[in-house]
């Protein structure tokens, strides 16, 4: 891969990757590091990407996967809120941030469901855009979103959250 091609992709998509990583990781430093890792992975893997038109979805998917791995490794992110803290639904004792609650809820779902939820509700992408990034068909995306919507009330109840 030529330096000019990396520069072009970085200038064109770097800020978008940074923004996506920032939304996922919640830290400017971690988002910047993640963006650099993604482009280093691109340099290493570029020659193995057969269809060069799929480089951009590859970059987005790699960024998403890297951020999810960082979050998974960061125990305090998902484990920061335990079910006992949530038992009073945020009333009285400690309050729980929406981000912590969302992460606690999402931790009970498979990765594909989390990806569909993230791109639909956080990034506000349509199903065709999500398909380009993830490879999930629109029908699979709809199924994953339905699984999420159907399971959220039970998950909230299990966590002891009654009022949102």
C-alpha atoms as a PDB file:
ATOM      1  CA  UNK A   1       0.000   0.000   0.000  1.00  0.00           C
ATOM      2  CA  UNK A   2       1.416   3.357  -0.974  1.00  0.00           C
ATOM      3  CA  UNK A   3       1.898   6.169   1.505  1.00  0.00           C
ATOM      4  CA  UNK A   4      -0.295   8.432  -0.646  1.00  0.00           C
ATOM      5  CA  UNK A   5      -3.171   5.912  -0.481  1.00  0.00           C
ATOM      6  CA  UNK A   6      -2.925   5.734   3.328  1.00  0.00           C
ATOM      7  CA  UNK A   7      -2.776   9.550   3.483  1.00  0.00           C
ATOM      8  CA  UNK A   8      -5.848   9.850   1.248  1.00  0.00           C
ATOM      9  CA  UNK A   9      -7.859   7.352   3.311  1.00  0.00           C
ATOM     10  CA  UNK A  10      -6.718   8.964   6.562  1.00  0.00           C
ATOM     11  CA  UNK A  11      -7.627  12.477   5.381  1.00  0.00           C
ATOM     12  CA  UNK A  12     -10.975  11.314   4.027  1.00  0.00           C
ATOM     13  CA  UNK A  13     -12.104   8.968   6.805  1.00  0.00           C
ATOM     14  CA  UNK A  14      -9.843   9.635   9.798  1.00  0.00           C
ATOM     15  CA  UNK A  15     -12.156  12.162  11.450  1.00  0.00           C
ATOM     16  CA  UNK A  16     -15.143   9.838  10.981  1.00  0.00           C
ATOM     17  CA  UNK A  17     -13.265   6.923  12.512  1.00  0.00           C
ATOM     18  CA  UNK A  18     -12.117   9.146  15.369  1.00  0.00           C
ATOM     19  CA  UNK A  19     -15.709  10.296  15.986  1.00  0.00           C
ATOM     20  CA  UNK A  20     -17.024   6.760  15.966  1.00  0.00           C
ATOM     21  CA  UNK A  21     -14.287   5.605  18.351  1.00  0.00           C
ATOM     22  CA  UNK A  22     -14.925   8.600  20.605  1.00  0.00           C
ATOM     23  CA  UNK A  23     -18.641   7.789  20.825  1.00  0.00           C
ATOM     24  CA  UNK A  24     -17.871   4.173  21.658  1.00  0.00           C
ATOM     25  CA  UNK A  25     -14.972   4.690  24.041  1.00  0.00           C
ATOM     26  CA  UNK A  26     -15.930   8.019  25.601  1.00  0.00           C
ATOM     27  CA  UNK A  27     -12.298   9.153  25.810  1.00  0.00           C
ATOM     28  CA  UNK A  28     -10.456  11.417  23.380  1.00  0.00           C
ATOM     29  CA  UNK A  29      -7.121   9.779  24.099  1.00  0.00           C
ATOM     30  CA  UNK A  30      -8.478   6.251  23.647  1.00  0.00           C
ATOM     31  CA  UNK A  31     -10.331   7.300  20.481  1.00  0.00           C
ATOM     32  CA  UNK A  32      -7.162   8.793  19.027  1.00  0.00           C
ATOM     33  CA  UNK A  33      -5.190   5.666  19.908  1.00  0.00           C
ATOM     34  CA  UNK A  34      -7.906   3.456  18.422  1.00  0.00           C
ATOM     35  CA  UNK A  35      -7.934   5.442  15.187  1.00  0.00           C
ATOM     36  CA  UNK A  36      -4.161   5.037  14.882  1.00  0.00           C
ATOM     37  CA  UNK A  37      -4.418   1.297  15.527  1.00  0.00           C
ATOM     38  CA  UNK A  38      -7.085   0.955  12.837  1.00  0.00           C
ATOM     39  CA  UNK A  39      -4.935   2.681  10.226  1.00  0.00           C
ATOM     40  CA  UNK A  40      -1.886   0.634  11.233  1.00  0.00           C
ATOM     41  CA  UNK A  41      -3.999  -2.504  10.769  1.00  0.00           C
ATOM     42  CA  UNK A  42      -5.071  -1.173   7.374  1.00  0.00           C
ATOM     43  CA  UNK A  43      -1.456  -0.762   6.277  1.00  0.00           C
ATOM     44  CA  UNK A  44      -0.726  -4.330   7.392  1.00  0.00           C
ATOM     45  CA  UNK A  45      -3.824  -5.884   5.812  1.00  0.00           C
ATOM     46  CA  UNK A  46      -4.267  -3.763   2.681  1.00  0.00           C
ATOM     47  CA  UNK A  47      -2.640  -6.266   0.343  1.00  0.00           C
ATOM     48  CA  UNK A  48      -4.928  -9.049   1.607  1.00  0.00           C
ATOM     49  CA  UNK A  49      -8.108  -7.069   0.828  1.00  0.00           C
ATOM     50  CA  UNK A  50      -9.062  -8.455  -2.556  1.00  0.00           C
ATOM     51  CA  UNK A  51     -11.829  -6.010  -3.436  1.00  0.00           C
ATOM     52  CA  UNK A  52     -10.380  -2.522  -2.899  1.00  0.00           C
ATOM     53  CA  UNK A  53     -13.901  -1.055  -3.064  1.00  0.00           C
ATOM     54  CA  UNK A  54     -14.500  -2.737   0.295  1.00  0.00           C
ATOM     55  CA  UNK A  55     -11.642  -0.908   2.015  1.00  0.00           C
ATOM     56  CA  UNK A  56     -13.916   1.721   3.578  1.00  0.00           C
ATOM     57  CA  UNK A  57     -16.341  -0.808   5.130  1.00  0.00           C
ATOM     58  CA  UNK A  58     -13.270  -2.739   6.286  1.00  0.00           C
ATOM     59  CA  UNK A  59     -11.945   0.391   8.039  1.00  0.00           C
ATOM     60  CA  UNK A  60     -15.265   1.040   9.796  1.00  0.00           C
ATOM     61  CA  UNK A  61     -15.698  -2.604  10.799  1.00  0.00           C
ATOM     62  CA  UNK A  62     -12.126  -2.771  12.092  1.00  0.00           C
ATOM     63  CA  UNK A  63     -12.622   0.419  14.116  1.00  0.00           C
ATOM     64  CA  UNK A  64     -15.836  -0.912  15.600  1.00  0.00           C
ATOM     65  CA  UNK A  65     -14.289  -4.284  16.434  1.00  0.00           C
ATOM     66  CA  UNK A  66     -11.216  -2.672  17.966  1.00  0.00           C
ATOM     67  CA  UNK A  67     -13.346  -0.373  20.135  1.00  0.00           C
ATOM     68  CA  UNK A  68     -15.544  -3.265  21.250  1.00  0.00           C
ATOM     69  CA  UNK A  69     -12.395  -5.188  22.191  1.00  0.00           C
ATOM     70  CA  UNK A  70     -11.119  -2.207  24.176  1.00  0.00           C
ATOM     71  CA  UNK A  71     -14.453  -1.967  25.974  1.00  0.00           C
ATOM     72  CA  UNK A  72     -14.498  -5.685  26.676  1.00  0.00           C
ATOM     73  CA  UNK A  73     -10.990  -5.486  28.089  1.00  0.00           C
ATOM     74  CA  UNK A  74     -11.814  -2.445  30.175  1.00  0.00           C
ATOM     75  CA  UNK A  75     -13.522  -4.242  33.060  1.00  0.00           C
ATOM     76  CA  UNK A  76     -14.548  -1.032  34.764  1.00  0.00           C
ATOM     77  CA  UNK A  77     -16.612  -0.012  31.716  1.00  0.00           C
ATOM     78  CA  UNK A  78     -19.070  -2.885  31.732  1.00  0.00           C
ATOM     79  CA  UNK A  79     -18.598  -3.945  35.344  1.00  0.00           C
ATOM     80  CA  UNK A  80     -18.852  -0.432  36.806  1.00  0.00           C
ATOM     81  CA  UNK A  81     -22.513  -0.911  37.613  1.00  0.00           C
ATOM     82  CA  UNK A  82     -23.548  -4.024  39.426  1.00  0.00           C
ATOM     83  CA  UNK A  83     -27.109  -5.260  39.790  1.00  0.00           C
ATOM     84  CA  UNK A  84     -27.197  -4.366  43.515  1.00  0.00           C
ATOM     85  CA  UNK A  85     -26.497  -0.710  42.724  1.00  0.00           C
ATOM     86  CA  UNK A  86     -29.308  -0.730  40.168  1.00  0.00           C
ATOM     87  CA  UNK A  87     -31.807  -2.415  42.491  1.00  0.00           C
ATOM     88  CA  UNK A  88     -33.437   0.838  43.549  1.00  0.00           C
ATOM     89  CA  UNK A  89     -33.798   1.999  39.948  1.00  0.00           C
ATOM     90  CA  UNK A  90     -31.572   4.996  40.516  1.00  0.00           C
ATOM     91  CA  UNK A  91     -33.829   6.373  43.247  1.00  0.00           C
ATOM     92  CA  UNK A  92     -32.327   7.219  46.571  1.00  0.00           C
ATOM     93  CA  UNK A  93     -28.731   5.916  46.719  1.00  0.00           C
ATOM     94  CA  UNK A  94     -26.326   6.139  43.837  1.00  0.00           C
ATOM     95  CA  UNK A  95     -27.593   7.300  40.494  1.00  0.00           C
ATOM     96  CA  UNK A  96     -26.657   5.411  37.378  1.00  0.00           C
ATOM     97  CA  UNK A  97     -25.710   7.202  34.199  1.00  0.00           C
ATOM     98  CA  UNK A  98     -27.587   6.379  31.018  1.00  0.00           C
ATOM     99  CA  UNK A  99     -24.315   5.209  29.492  1.00  0.00           C
ATOM    100  CA  UNK A 100     -23.676   2.760  32.352  1.00  0.00           C
ATOM    101  CA  UNK A 101     -27.227   1.472  32.157  1.00  0.00           C
ATOM    102  CA  UNK A 102     -27.024   1.032  28.386  1.00  0.00           C
ATOM    103  CA  UNK A 103     -23.727  -0.814  28.705  1.00  0.00           C
ATOM    104  CA  UNK A 104     -25.149  -3.075  31.395  1.00  0.00           C
ATOM    105  CA  UNK A 105     -28.155  -3.859  29.171  1.00  0.00           C
ATOM    106  CA  UNK A 106     -26.032  -4.424  26.050  1.00  0.00           C
ATOM    107  CA  UNK A 107     -23.647  -6.714  27.926  1.00  0.00           C
ATOM    108  CA  UNK A 108     -26.394  -9.341  27.965  1.00  0.00           C
ATOM    109  CA  UNK A 109     -26.712  -9.434  24.154  1.00  0.00           C
ATOM    110  CA  UNK A 110     -24.632 -11.051  21.445  1.00  0.00           C
ATOM    111  CA  UNK A 111     -22.257  -8.853  19.491  1.00  0.00           C
ATOM    112  CA  UNK A 112     -24.397  -8.734  16.305  1.00  0.00           C
ATOM    113  CA  UNK A 113     -27.351  -7.370  18.272  1.00  0.00           C
ATOM    114  CA  UNK A 114     -25.146  -4.724  19.918  1.00  0.00           C
ATOM    115  CA  UNK A 115     -23.758  -3.702  16.537  1.00  0.00           C
ATOM    116  CA  UNK A 116     -27.242  -3.314  15.025  1.00  0.00           C
ATOM    117  CA  UNK A 117     -28.399  -1.293  18.048  1.00  0.00           C
ATOM    118  CA  UNK A 118     -25.310   0.915  18.005  1.00  0.00           C
ATOM    119  CA  UNK A 119     -25.468   1.776  14.322  1.00  0.00           C
ATOM    120  CA  UNK A 120     -29.249   2.239  14.348  1.00  0.00           C
ATOM    121  CA  UNK A 121     -29.753   4.270  17.523  1.00  0.00           C
ATOM    122  CA  UNK A 122     -26.380   5.899  18.190  1.00  0.00           C
ATOM    123  CA  UNK A 123     -24.991   6.469  14.696  1.00  0.00           C
ATOM    124  CA  UNK A 124     -28.532   6.793  13.220  1.00  0.00           C
ATOM    125  CA  UNK A 125     -27.602   4.908  10.061  1.00  0.00           C
ATOM    126  CA  UNK A 126     -30.185   3.252   7.859  1.00  0.00           C
ATOM    127  CA  UNK A 127     -30.147  -0.503   7.297  1.00  0.00           C
ATOM    128  CA  UNK A 128     -28.407  -0.278   3.905  1.00  0.00           C
ATOM    129  CA  UNK A 129     -25.555   1.727   5.439  1.00  0.00           C
ATOM    130  CA  UNK A 130     -25.305  -0.744   8.307  1.00  0.00           C
ATOM    131  CA  UNK A 131     -25.213  -3.599   5.799  1.00  0.00           C
ATOM    132  CA  UNK A 132     -22.259  -2.001   3.994  1.00  0.00           C
ATOM    133  CA  UNK A 133     -20.307  -1.668   7.241  1.00  0.00           C
ATOM    134  CA  UNK A 134     -21.192  -4.939   8.978  1.00  0.00           C
ATOM    135  CA  UNK A 135     -22.192  -7.315   6.217  1.00  0.00           C
ATOM    136  CA  UNK A 136     -25.470  -8.054   8.039  1.00  0.00           C
ATOM    137  CA  UNK A 137     -28.465  -8.181   5.729  1.00  0.00           C
ATOM    138  CA  UNK A 138     -31.328  -5.731   6.395  1.00  0.00           C
ATOM    139  CA  UNK A 139     -33.478  -8.688   7.500  1.00  0.00           C
ATOM    140  CA  UNK A 140     -30.825  -9.738  10.024  1.00  0.00           C
ATOM    141  CA  UNK A 141     -30.532  -6.156  11.270  1.00  0.00           C
ATOM    142  CA  UNK A 142     -34.318  -5.975  11.757  1.00  0.00           C
ATOM    143  CA  UNK A 143     -34.272  -9.334  13.586  1.00  0.00           C
ATOM    144  CA  UNK A 144     -31.458  -8.180  15.866  1.00  0.00           C
ATOM    145  CA  UNK A 145     -33.246  -4.906  16.634  1.00  0.00           C
ATOM    146  CA  UNK A 146     -36.441  -6.826  17.405  1.00  0.00           C
ATOM    147  CA  UNK A 147     -34.517  -9.131  19.758  1.00  0.00           C
ATOM    148  CA  UNK A 148     -33.195  -6.075  21.527  1.00  0.00           C
ATOM    149  CA  UNK A 149     -36.575  -4.306  21.774  1.00  0.00           C
ATOM    150  CA  UNK A 150     -38.298  -7.484  22.950  1.00  0.00           C
ATOM    151  CA  UNK A 151     -35.680  -8.237  25.610  1.00  0.00           C
ATOM    152  CA  UNK A 152     -35.118  -4.763  27.061  1.00  0.00           C
ATOM    153  CA  UNK A 153     -38.172  -4.714  29.375  1.00  0.00           C
ATOM    154  CA  UNK A 154     -37.208  -8.066  30.909  1.00  0.00           C
ATOM    155  CA  UNK A 155     -33.578  -7.009  31.204  1.00  0.00           C
ATOM    156  CA  UNK A 156     -34.549  -3.778  32.954  1.00  0.00           C
ATOM    157  CA  UNK A 157     -36.806  -5.701  35.304  1.00  0.00           C
ATOM    158  CA  UNK A 158     -33.979  -8.147  36.097  1.00  0.00           C
ATOM    159  CA  UNK A 159     -31.731  -5.195  36.857  1.00  0.00           C
ATOM    160  CA  UNK A 160     -34.367  -3.714  39.133  1.00  0.00           C
ATOM    161  CA  UNK A 161     -34.912  -0.603  37.014  1.00  0.00           C
ATOM    162  CA  UNK A 162     -38.552   0.427  36.917  1.00  0.00           C
ATOM    163  CA  UNK A 163     -38.557   4.109  35.981  1.00  0.00           C
ATOM    164  CA  UNK A 164     -36.582   5.639  33.133  1.00  0.00           C
END
